[in-house]
N, C-alpha and C. Protein backbone atom coordinates (compact mmCIF):
# COMPACT_ATOMS: atom_id res chain seq x y z
N MET A 1 125.58 227.01 73.59
CA MET A 1 126.73 227.34 74.41
C MET A 1 127.92 226.48 74.10
N ILE A 2 129.09 227.05 73.93
CA ILE A 2 130.32 226.37 73.65
C ILE A 2 131.03 226.00 74.93
N PHE A 3 131.48 224.81 75.13
CA PHE A 3 132.19 224.34 76.28
C PHE A 3 133.66 224.04 75.94
N ILE A 4 134.52 224.65 76.63
CA ILE A 4 135.97 224.51 76.32
C ILE A 4 136.51 223.37 77.29
N THR A 5 136.94 222.36 76.73
CA THR A 5 137.52 221.27 77.56
C THR A 5 138.89 221.63 78.17
N SER A 6 139.20 220.94 79.28
CA SER A 6 140.44 221.26 79.95
C SER A 6 141.71 220.95 79.20
N ALA A 7 141.49 220.23 78.06
CA ALA A 7 142.72 219.98 77.21
C ALA A 7 143.03 221.21 76.33
N VAL A 8 142.09 222.10 76.10
CA VAL A 8 142.37 223.32 75.31
C VAL A 8 142.39 224.56 76.10
N TRP A 9 142.09 224.49 77.34
CA TRP A 9 141.98 225.69 78.20
C TRP A 9 143.45 226.07 78.61
N PRO A 10 143.82 227.36 78.34
CA PRO A 10 145.10 227.78 78.88
C PRO A 10 145.18 227.79 80.44
N PRO A 11 146.02 226.89 81.02
CA PRO A 11 146.04 226.74 82.43
C PRO A 11 146.53 227.99 83.09
N ASN A 12 145.76 228.54 84.09
CA ASN A 12 146.05 229.56 84.99
C ASN A 12 146.53 230.81 84.24
N SER A 13 145.92 231.09 83.13
CA SER A 13 146.27 232.27 82.37
C SER A 13 145.89 233.59 83.01
N PRO A 14 146.76 234.41 83.39
CA PRO A 14 146.39 235.66 83.94
C PRO A 14 145.72 236.56 83.03
N ASP A 15 145.96 236.41 81.66
CA ASP A 15 145.33 237.11 80.61
C ASP A 15 143.85 236.79 80.46
N LEU A 16 143.45 235.71 81.04
CA LEU A 16 142.00 235.31 80.94
C LEU A 16 141.31 235.35 82.32
N ASN A 17 141.97 235.90 83.31
CA ASN A 17 141.42 236.01 84.63
C ASN A 17 141.14 237.53 84.99
N ALA A 18 139.94 237.83 85.10
CA ALA A 18 139.55 239.27 85.31
C ALA A 18 140.18 239.87 86.46
N ILE A 19 140.37 239.13 87.51
CA ILE A 19 141.15 239.71 88.67
C ILE A 19 142.55 240.11 88.27
N ASP A 20 143.19 239.25 87.52
CA ASP A 20 144.54 239.52 87.19
C ASP A 20 144.75 240.65 86.15
N TYR A 21 143.88 240.64 85.03
CA TYR A 21 144.10 241.57 84.00
C TYR A 21 143.50 243.05 84.25
N THR A 22 142.63 243.10 85.31
CA THR A 22 142.11 244.45 85.58
C THR A 22 142.14 244.81 87.08
N VAL A 23 141.53 243.93 87.87
CA VAL A 23 141.25 244.34 89.22
C VAL A 23 142.52 244.59 90.05
N TRP A 24 143.53 243.63 89.99
CA TRP A 24 144.59 243.82 90.66
C TRP A 24 145.39 245.19 90.40
N SER A 25 145.45 245.58 89.13
CA SER A 25 146.17 246.83 88.80
C SER A 25 145.38 247.98 89.40
N VAL A 26 144.07 247.93 89.34
CA VAL A 26 143.34 249.01 90.06
C VAL A 26 143.55 249.03 91.58
N LEU A 27 143.57 247.86 92.23
CA LEU A 27 143.80 247.78 93.59
C LEU A 27 145.17 248.20 93.94
N GLN A 28 146.17 247.72 93.27
CA GLN A 28 147.53 248.08 93.43
C GLN A 28 147.80 249.66 93.43
N GLU A 29 147.19 250.25 92.44
CA GLU A 29 147.30 251.71 92.22
C GLU A 29 146.84 252.38 93.47
N ARG A 30 145.63 251.90 93.96
CA ARG A 30 145.01 252.60 95.11
C ARG A 30 145.79 252.33 96.45
N VAL A 31 146.28 251.04 96.54
CA VAL A 31 146.92 250.72 97.87
C VAL A 31 148.24 251.42 97.89
N TYR A 32 149.07 251.59 96.88
CA TYR A 32 150.38 252.14 96.91
C TYR A 32 150.43 253.63 96.55
N ARG A 33 149.28 254.24 96.65
CA ARG A 33 149.25 255.68 96.31
C ARG A 33 150.09 256.51 97.17
N THR A 34 150.20 256.07 98.43
CA THR A 34 151.10 256.71 99.50
C THR A 34 151.92 255.65 100.10
N LYS A 35 153.01 256.13 100.76
CA LYS A 35 153.98 255.15 101.31
C LYS A 35 153.27 254.38 102.42
N ILE A 36 153.74 253.07 102.52
CA ILE A 36 153.11 252.22 103.61
C ILE A 36 154.34 251.95 104.61
N SER A 37 154.02 252.06 105.95
CA SER A 37 155.07 251.95 106.86
C SER A 37 155.33 250.60 107.38
N ASP A 38 154.36 249.63 107.32
CA ASP A 38 154.65 248.24 107.87
C ASP A 38 153.54 247.32 107.24
N VAL A 39 153.71 246.02 107.56
CA VAL A 39 152.84 245.05 107.03
C VAL A 39 151.49 245.14 107.47
N ASP A 40 151.25 245.56 108.76
CA ASP A 40 149.94 245.78 109.25
C ASP A 40 149.12 246.84 108.48
N GLU A 41 149.96 247.93 108.27
CA GLU A 41 149.23 248.97 107.48
C GLU A 41 148.87 248.56 106.10
N LEU A 42 149.82 247.72 105.44
CA LEU A 42 149.54 247.16 104.13
C LEU A 42 148.24 246.37 104.19
N LYS A 43 148.14 245.48 105.15
CA LYS A 43 146.89 244.58 105.26
C LYS A 43 145.73 245.50 105.40
N ARG A 44 145.75 246.49 106.28
CA ARG A 44 144.61 247.28 106.50
C ARG A 44 144.19 247.98 105.25
N ARG A 45 145.23 248.51 104.58
CA ARG A 45 144.96 249.23 103.35
C ARG A 45 144.38 248.38 102.22
N ILE A 46 144.91 247.15 102.09
CA ILE A 46 144.36 246.25 101.09
C ILE A 46 142.85 245.90 101.34
N ILE A 47 142.58 245.68 102.63
CA ILE A 47 141.21 245.48 102.93
C ILE A 47 140.29 246.61 102.70
N SER A 48 140.69 247.82 103.05
CA SER A 48 139.96 249.06 102.85
C SER A 48 139.80 249.39 101.46
N LYS A 49 140.88 249.32 100.70
CA LYS A 49 140.73 249.60 99.22
C LYS A 49 139.94 248.61 98.51
N TRP A 50 140.04 247.32 98.89
CA TRP A 50 139.14 246.33 98.22
C TRP A 50 137.70 246.57 98.47
N ALA A 51 137.35 246.99 99.70
CA ALA A 51 136.00 247.26 100.08
C ALA A 51 135.45 248.52 99.19
N ALA A 52 136.38 249.33 98.82
CA ALA A 52 135.94 250.49 98.08
C ALA A 52 135.88 250.37 96.59
N VAL A 53 136.37 249.23 96.09
CA VAL A 53 136.36 248.96 94.64
C VAL A 53 134.82 248.91 94.21
N ARG A 54 134.43 249.69 93.27
CA ARG A 54 133.17 249.72 92.82
C ARG A 54 132.87 248.49 91.93
N HIS A 55 131.63 248.01 92.02
CA HIS A 55 131.23 246.74 91.28
C HIS A 55 131.39 246.95 89.80
N THR A 56 131.25 248.22 89.34
CA THR A 56 131.45 248.50 88.00
C THR A 56 132.79 248.16 87.39
N VAL A 57 133.82 248.32 88.22
CA VAL A 57 135.18 247.91 87.87
C VAL A 57 135.26 246.42 87.44
N ILE A 58 134.68 245.66 88.42
CA ILE A 58 134.63 244.20 88.22
C ILE A 58 133.74 243.74 87.06
N ASP A 59 132.56 244.41 86.93
CA ASP A 59 131.72 244.12 85.74
C ASP A 59 132.36 244.47 84.49
N SER A 60 133.15 245.56 84.32
CA SER A 60 133.89 245.95 83.13
C SER A 60 134.98 244.85 82.85
N ALA A 61 135.66 244.39 83.83
CA ALA A 61 136.69 243.35 83.65
C ALA A 61 136.06 242.10 83.14
N VAL A 62 134.97 241.71 83.73
CA VAL A 62 134.25 240.47 83.34
C VAL A 62 133.77 240.55 81.94
N SER A 63 133.24 241.75 81.62
CA SER A 63 132.72 241.93 80.25
C SER A 63 133.75 241.84 79.15
N GLN A 64 135.00 241.94 79.44
CA GLN A 64 136.15 241.81 78.51
C GLN A 64 136.58 240.36 78.27
N TRP A 65 135.98 239.43 79.17
CA TRP A 65 136.41 238.09 79.10
C TRP A 65 136.29 237.35 77.74
N ARG A 66 135.08 237.50 77.10
CA ARG A 66 134.82 236.85 75.85
C ARG A 66 135.80 237.38 74.73
N GLN A 67 136.04 238.64 74.74
CA GLN A 67 137.00 239.26 73.79
C GLN A 67 138.36 238.64 73.98
N ARG A 68 138.78 238.63 75.16
CA ARG A 68 140.04 238.05 75.53
C ARG A 68 140.21 236.63 75.20
N LEU A 69 139.20 235.91 75.45
CA LEU A 69 139.18 234.41 75.13
C LEU A 69 139.23 234.20 73.66
N ARG A 70 138.45 234.95 72.85
CA ARG A 70 138.55 234.88 71.37
C ARG A 70 140.01 235.22 70.88
N ALA A 71 140.55 236.27 71.50
CA ALA A 71 141.93 236.66 71.02
C ALA A 71 142.97 235.57 71.41
N CYS A 72 142.76 234.96 72.57
CA CYS A 72 143.69 233.84 72.99
C CYS A 72 143.56 232.64 71.97
N VAL A 73 142.28 232.37 71.54
CA VAL A 73 142.15 231.23 70.48
C VAL A 73 142.69 231.62 69.19
N ARG A 74 142.51 232.87 68.85
CA ARG A 74 143.15 233.23 67.57
C ARG A 74 144.64 233.26 67.60
N ALA A 75 145.26 233.43 68.77
CA ALA A 75 146.70 233.40 68.94
C ALA A 75 147.26 232.03 69.28
N GLY A 76 146.33 231.04 69.15
CA GLY A 76 146.71 229.72 69.49
C GLY A 76 147.19 229.47 70.91
N GLY A 77 146.67 230.23 71.89
CA GLY A 77 147.05 230.07 73.19
C GLY A 77 148.29 230.96 73.51
N GLY A 78 148.87 231.60 72.52
CA GLY A 78 150.05 232.41 72.84
C GLY A 78 149.68 233.82 73.32
N HIS A 79 150.71 234.77 73.33
CA HIS A 79 150.49 236.10 73.67
C HIS A 79 149.48 236.82 72.77
N PHE A 80 148.59 237.50 73.40
CA PHE A 80 147.60 238.22 72.59
C PHE A 80 147.30 239.71 73.07
N GLU A 81 147.82 240.01 74.22
CA GLU A 81 147.52 241.37 74.79
C GLU A 81 147.68 242.47 73.69
N HIS A 82 148.70 242.34 72.84
CA HIS A 82 148.95 243.45 71.90
C HIS A 82 147.85 243.53 70.81
N THR A 83 146.92 242.51 70.70
CA THR A 83 145.96 242.51 69.76
C THR A 83 144.64 243.09 70.23
N LEU A 84 144.55 243.40 71.51
CA LEU A 84 143.36 243.97 72.12
C LEU A 84 143.29 245.51 71.90
N LYS A 85 142.12 246.05 71.79
CA LYS A 85 141.89 247.44 71.66
C LYS A 85 142.07 248.14 72.95
């Protein structure tokens, strides 16, 4: 097993966070599918739509992590999204 020290870990990279690179976009698309009238409705909808996210969506996002990490290393910590399939 390879351990990445904090000295070489890209800090807070959304490109390496499964929630950021996949789950938030899925949730956002579902939450904003129809117009929201107020903050309370937004809160209710976020909670409801989060509860409806299938675990397979999260599994798929997590399964991409190693590929993304390798691409990040190849890019020297720079932008790599364009290199992914």
